[in-house]
Amino acid sequence: MSDEQNTAPRKAGGIYEHFCEHPGCKKDGGWGFATGKQAPHWFCYEHKAEGKQYTAQQ
């Protein structure tokens, strides 16, 4: 995304790498959840239900 902050490390080829935000999880966070213009919160497949709950609370 062009408006994405450069806070995540990049893999080879310029792809951003996002890690799951579940405490203690070190997996790739392939699912981003956000409401409005907030920065997305990233979760892995195993914890993506937490992301869905996050957006429901906002």
PDB file of N, CA and C in Angstrom:
ATOM      1  N   MET A   1       0.838  -1.181   0.000  1.00  0.00           N
ATOM      2  CA  MET A   1       0.000   0.000   0.000  1.00  0.00           C
ATOM      3  C   MET A   1       0.876   1.235   0.000  1.00  0.00           C
ATOM      4  N   SER A   2       0.495   2.233  -0.727  1.00  0.00           N
ATOM      5  CA  SER A   2       1.312   3.426  -0.817  1.00  0.00           C
ATOM      6  C   SER A   2       1.277   4.247   0.464  1.00  0.00           C
ATOM      7  N   ASP A   3       0.216   4.144   1.254  1.00  0.00           N
ATOM      8  CA  ASP A   3       0.116   4.922   2.484  1.00  0.00           C
ATOM      9  C   ASP A   3       0.622   4.160   3.710  1.00  0.00           C
ATOM     10  N   GLU A   4       1.193   2.994   3.521  1.00  0.00           N
ATOM     11  CA  GLU A   4       1.656   2.170   4.627  1.00  0.00           C
ATOM     12  C   GLU A   4       2.964   2.717   5.191  1.00  0.00           C
ATOM     13  N   GLN A   5       3.052   2.777   6.513  1.00  0.00           N
ATOM     14  CA  GLN A   5       4.266   3.230   7.179  1.00  0.00           C
ATOM     15  C   GLN A   5       5.376   2.214   6.968  1.00  0.00           C
ATOM     16  N   ASN A   6       6.606   2.642   6.992  1.00  0.00           N
ATOM     17  CA  ASN A   6       7.749   1.753   6.834  1.00  0.00           C
ATOM     18  C   ASN A   6       8.189   1.194   8.183  1.00  0.00           C
ATOM     19  N   THR A   7       7.274   0.680   8.970  1.00  0.00           N
ATOM     20  CA  THR A   7       7.586   0.158  10.292  1.00  0.00           C
ATOM     21  C   THR A   7       7.840  -1.339  10.277  1.00  0.00           C
ATOM     22  N   ALA A   8       7.447  -2.023   9.249  1.00  0.00           N
ATOM     23  CA  ALA A   8       7.631  -3.472   9.167  1.00  0.00           C
ATOM     24  C   ALA A   8       8.880  -3.768   8.350  1.00  0.00           C
ATOM     25  N   PRO A   9       9.629  -4.796   8.748  1.00  0.00           N
ATOM     26  CA  PRO A   9      10.807  -5.158   7.952  1.00  0.00           C
ATOM     27  C   PRO A   9      10.399  -5.681   6.575  1.00  0.00           C
ATOM     28  N   ARG A  10      11.284  -5.551   5.619  1.00  0.00           N
ATOM     29  CA  ARG A  10      11.003  -6.008   4.262  1.00  0.00           C
ATOM     30  C   ARG A  10      11.742  -7.301   3.976  1.00  0.00           C
ATOM     31  N   LYS A  11      11.066  -8.185   3.257  1.00  0.00           N
ATOM     32  CA  LYS A  11      11.697  -9.395   2.739  1.00  0.00           C
ATOM     33  C   LYS A  11      12.353  -9.047   1.411  1.00  0.00           C
ATOM     34  N   ALA A  12      13.107  -9.978   0.870  1.00  0.00           N
ATOM     35  CA  ALA A  12      13.696  -9.779  -0.452  1.00  0.00           C
ATOM     36  C   ALA A  12      12.590  -9.504  -1.460  1.00  0.00           C
ATOM     37  N   GLY A  13      12.797  -8.586  -2.333  1.00  0.00           N
ATOM     38  CA  GLY A  13      11.789  -8.247  -3.330  1.00  0.00           C
ATOM     39  C   GLY A  13      10.895  -7.099  -2.894  1.00  0.00           C
ATOM     40  N   GLY A  14      11.148  -6.524  -1.700  1.00  0.00           N
ATOM     41  CA  GLY A  14      10.392  -5.363  -1.241  1.00  0.00           C
ATOM     42  C   GLY A  14       9.061  -5.659  -0.593  1.00  0.00           C
ATOM     43  N   ILE A  15       8.767  -6.913  -0.285  1.00  0.00           N
ATOM     44  CA  ILE A  15       7.503  -7.265   0.348  1.00  0.00           C
ATOM     45  C   ILE A  15       7.610  -7.027   1.853  1.00  0.00           C
ATOM     46  N   TYR A  16       6.614  -6.376   2.441  1.00  0.00           N
ATOM     47  CA  TYR A  16       6.612  -6.149   3.880  1.00  0.00           C
ATOM     48  C   TYR A  16       6.318  -7.446   4.619  1.00  0.00           C
ATOM     49  N   GLU A  17       6.974  -7.611   5.753  1.00  0.00           N
ATOM     50  CA  GLU A  17       6.758  -8.781   6.592  1.00  0.00           C
ATOM     51  C   GLU A  17       6.065  -8.325   7.867  1.00  0.00           C
ATOM     52  N   HIS A  18       4.879  -8.847   8.120  1.00  0.00           N
ATOM     53  CA  HIS A  18       4.112  -8.509   9.305  1.00  0.00           C
ATOM     54  C   HIS A  18       4.031  -9.745  10.187  1.00  0.00           C
ATOM     55  N   PHE A  19       4.240  -9.557  11.478  1.00  0.00           N
ATOM     56  CA  PHE A  19       4.165 -10.668  12.408  1.00  0.00           C
ATOM     57  C   PHE A  19       2.846 -10.614  13.170  1.00  0.00           C
ATOM     58  N   CYS A  20       2.365 -11.762  13.562  1.00  0.00           N
ATOM     59  CA  CYS A  20       1.126 -11.878  14.315  1.00  0.00           C
ATOM     60  C   CYS A  20       1.249 -11.097  15.622  1.00  0.00           C
ATOM     61  N   GLU A  21       0.194 -10.366  15.984  1.00  0.00           N
ATOM     62  CA  GLU A  21       0.202  -9.546  17.190  1.00  0.00           C
ATOM     63  C   GLU A  21      -0.301 -10.289  18.426  1.00  0.00           C
ATOM     64  N   HIS A  22      -0.658 -11.550  18.280  1.00  0.00           N
ATOM     65  CA  HIS A  22      -1.050 -12.343  19.441  1.00  0.00           C
ATOM     66  C   HIS A  22       0.172 -12.497  20.344  1.00  0.00           C
ATOM     67  N   PRO A  23       0.034 -12.271  21.655  1.00  0.00           N
ATOM     68  CA  PRO A  23       1.191 -12.378  22.557  1.00  0.00           C
ATOM     69  C   PRO A  23       1.876 -13.737  22.451  1.00  0.00           C
ATOM     70  N   GLY A  24       3.181 -13.710  22.204  1.00  0.00           N
ATOM     71  CA  GLY A  24       3.978 -14.923  22.129  1.00  0.00           C
ATOM     72  C   GLY A  24       4.007 -15.607  20.776  1.00  0.00           C
ATOM     73  N   CYS A  25       3.196 -15.174  19.834  1.00  0.00           N
ATOM     74  CA  CYS A  25       3.158 -15.798  18.510  1.00  0.00           C
ATOM     75  C   CYS A  25       4.211 -15.153  17.615  1.00  0.00           C
ATOM     76  N   LYS A  26       4.976 -15.960  16.912  1.00  0.00           N
ATOM     77  CA  LYS A  26       6.032 -15.469  16.028  1.00  0.00           C
ATOM     78  C   LYS A  26       5.734 -15.754  14.556  1.00  0.00           C
ATOM     79  N   LYS A  27       4.499 -16.159  14.247  1.00  0.00           N
ATOM     80  CA  LYS A  27       4.140 -16.514  12.872  1.00  0.00           C
ATOM     81  C   LYS A  27       3.909 -15.266  12.019  1.00  0.00           C
ATOM     82  N   ASP A  28       3.901 -15.470  10.702  1.00  0.00           N
ATOM     83  CA  ASP A  28       3.620 -14.410   9.758  1.00  0.00           C
ATOM     84  C   ASP A  28       2.173 -13.967   9.900  1.00  0.00           C
ATOM     85  N   GLY A  29       1.953 -12.669  10.014  1.00  0.00           N
ATOM     86  CA  GLY A  29       0.603 -12.127  10.131  1.00  0.00           C
ATOM     87  C   GLY A  29       0.071 -11.756   8.769  1.00  0.00           C
ATOM     88  N   GLY A  30      -0.543 -12.690   8.108  1.00  0.00           N
ATOM     89  CA  GLY A  30      -1.027 -12.465   6.754  1.00  0.00           C
ATOM     90  C   GLY A  30      -2.393 -11.809   6.676  1.00  0.00           C
ATOM     91  N   TRP A  31      -3.079 -11.653   7.783  1.00  0.00           N
ATOM     92  CA  TRP A  31      -4.407 -11.062   7.799  1.00  0.00           C
ATOM     93  C   TRP A  31      -4.356  -9.758   8.576  1.00  0.00           C
ATOM     94  N   GLY A  32      -4.669  -8.655   7.906  1.00  0.00           N
ATOM     95  CA  GLY A  32      -4.680  -7.341   8.540  1.00  0.00           C
ATOM     96  C   GLY A  32      -6.098  -6.877   8.777  1.00  0.00           C
ATOM     97  N   PHE A  33      -6.341  -6.316   9.949  1.00  0.00           N
ATOM     98  CA  PHE A  33      -7.672  -5.842  10.312  1.00  0.00           C
ATOM     99  C   PHE A  33      -7.572  -4.402  10.790  1.00  0.00           C
ATOM    100  N   ALA A  34      -8.421  -3.538  10.263  1.00  0.00           N
ATOM    101  CA  ALA A  34      -8.442  -2.137  10.652  1.00  0.00           C
ATOM    102  C   ALA A  34      -9.842  -1.584  10.437  1.00  0.00           C
ATOM    103  N   THR A  35     -10.129  -0.500  11.126  1.00  0.00           N
ATOM    104  CA  THR A  35     -11.379   0.218  10.904  1.00  0.00           C
ATOM    105  C   THR A  35     -11.034   1.652  10.538  1.00  0.00           C
ATOM    106  N   GLY A  36     -11.754   2.207   9.610  1.00  0.00           N
ATOM    107  CA  GLY A  36     -11.503   3.575   9.192  1.00  0.00           C
ATOM    108  C   GLY A  36     -10.110   3.750   8.626  1.00  0.00           C
ATOM    109  N   LYS A  37      -9.415   4.784   9.099  1.00  0.00           N
ATOM    110  CA  LYS A  37      -8.078   5.079   8.606  1.00  0.00           C
ATOM    111  C   LYS A  37      -6.985   4.627   9.571  1.00  0.00           C
ATOM    112  N   GLN A  38      -7.327   3.742  10.498  1.00  0.00           N
ATOM    113  CA  GLN A  38      -6.338   3.231  11.437  1.00  0.00           C
ATOM    114  C   GLN A  38      -5.355   2.310  10.738  1.00  0.00           C
ATOM    115  N   ALA A  39      -4.166   2.213  11.303  1.00  0.00           N
ATOM    116  CA  ALA A  39      -3.193   1.244  10.800  1.00  0.00           C
ATOM    117  C   ALA A  39      -3.705  -0.152  11.127  1.00  0.00           C
ATOM    118  N   PRO A  40      -3.529  -1.100  10.223  1.00  0.00           N
ATOM    119  CA  PRO A  40      -4.045  -2.449  10.485  1.00  0.00           C
ATOM    120  C   PRO A  40      -3.267  -3.177  11.575  1.00  0.00           C
ATOM    121  N   HIS A  41      -3.974  -4.050  12.245  1.00  0.00           N
ATOM    122  CA  HIS A  41      -3.373  -4.969  13.203  1.00  0.00           C
ATOM    123  C   HIS A  41      -3.283  -6.305  12.494  1.00  0.00           C
ATOM    124  N   TRP A  42      -2.137  -6.991  12.620  1.00  0.00           N
ATOM    125  CA  TRP A  42      -1.855  -8.187  11.834  1.00  0.00           C
ATOM    126  C   TRP A  42      -1.922  -9.444  12.682  1.00  0.00           C
ATOM    127  N   PHE A  43      -2.554 -10.492  12.124  1.00  0.00           N
ATOM    128  CA  PHE A  43      -2.703 -11.767  12.819  1.00  0.00           C
ATOM    129  C   PHE A  43      -2.452 -12.915  11.848  1.00  0.00           C
ATOM    130  N   CYS A  44      -1.936 -14.015  12.371  1.00  0.00           N
ATOM    131  CA  CYS A  44      -1.734 -15.216  11.563  1.00  0.00           C
ATOM    132  C   CYS A  44      -3.070 -15.934  11.382  1.00  0.00           C
ATOM    133  N   TYR A  45      -3.075 -16.977  10.591  1.00  0.00           N
ATOM    134  CA  TYR A  45      -4.305 -17.731  10.334  1.00  0.00           C
ATOM    135  C   TYR A  45      -4.902 -18.269  11.635  1.00  0.00           C
ATOM    136  N   GLU A  46      -4.041 -18.780  12.498  1.00  0.00           N
ATOM    137  CA  GLU A  46      -4.503 -19.378  13.756  1.00  0.00           C
ATOM    138  C   GLU A  46      -5.193 -18.356  14.660  1.00  0.00           C
ATOM    139  N   HIS A  47      -4.765 -17.095  14.617  1.00  0.00           N
ATOM    140  CA  HIS A  47      -5.292 -16.068  15.518  1.00  0.00           C
ATOM    141  C   HIS A  47      -6.122 -14.995  14.807  1.00  0.00           C
ATOM    142  N   LYS A  48      -6.519 -15.236  13.556  1.00  0.00           N
ATOM    143  CA  LYS A  48      -7.231 -14.190  12.816  1.00  0.00           C
ATOM    144  C   LYS A  48      -8.599 -13.864  13.415  1.00  0.00           C
ATOM    145  N   ALA A  49      -9.169 -14.764  14.205  1.00  0.00           N
ATOM    146  CA  ALA A  49     -10.439 -14.470  14.876  1.00  0.00           C
ATOM    147  C   ALA A  49     -10.275 -13.298  15.837  1.00  0.00           C
ATOM    148  N   GLU A  50      -9.091 -13.142  16.416  1.00  0.00           N
ATOM    149  CA  GLU A  50      -8.828 -12.004  17.298  1.00  0.00           C
ATOM    150  C   GLU A  50      -8.897 -10.695  16.520  1.00  0.00           C
ATOM    151  N   GLY A  51      -8.418 -10.710  15.286  1.00  0.00           N
ATOM    152  CA  GLY A  51      -8.502  -9.529  14.443  1.00  0.00           C
ATOM    153  C   GLY A  51      -9.930  -9.179  14.106  1.00  0.00           C
ATOM    154  N   LYS A  52     -10.736 -10.183  13.835  1.00  0.00           N
ATOM    155  CA  LYS A  52     -12.144  -9.942  13.551  1.00  0.00           C
ATOM    156  C   LYS A  52     -12.847  -9.346  14.769  1.00  0.00           C
ATOM    157  N   GLN A  53     -12.498  -9.813  15.951  1.00  0.00           N
ATOM    158  CA  GLN A  53     -13.062  -9.268  17.196  1.00  0.00           C
ATOM    159  C   GLN A  53     -12.608  -7.837  17.389  1.00  0.00           C
ATOM    160  N   TYR A  54     -11.355  -7.555  17.051  1.00  0.00           N
ATOM    161  CA  TYR A  54     -10.810  -6.201  17.187  1.00  0.00           C
ATOM    162  C   TYR A  54     -11.629  -5.221  16.359  1.00  0.00           C
ATOM    163  N   THR A  55     -11.918  -5.537  15.114  1.00  0.00           N
ATOM    164  CA  THR A  55     -12.661  -4.616  14.265  1.00  0.00           C
ATOM    165  C   THR A  55     -14.113  -4.501  14.703  1.00  0.00           C
ATOM    166  N   ALA A  56     -14.668  -5.527  15.306  1.00  0.00           N
ATOM    167  CA  ALA A  56     -16.052  -5.469  15.790  1.00  0.00           C
ATOM    168  C   ALA A  56     -16.175  -4.538  16.985  1.00  0.00           C
ATOM    169  N   GLN A  57     -15.103  -4.376  17.754  1.00  0.00           N
ATOM    170  CA  GLN A  57     -15.129  -3.530  18.942  1.00  0.00           C
ATOM    171  C   GLN A  57     -14.988  -2.055  18.586  1.00  0.00           C
ATOM    172  N   GLN A  58     -14.431  -1.739  17.449  1.00  0.00           N
ATOM    173  CA  GLN A  58     -14.150  -0.352  17.072  1.00  0.00           C
ATOM    174  C   GLN A  58     -15.357   0.354  16.564  1.00  0.00           C
TER     175      GLN A  58
END
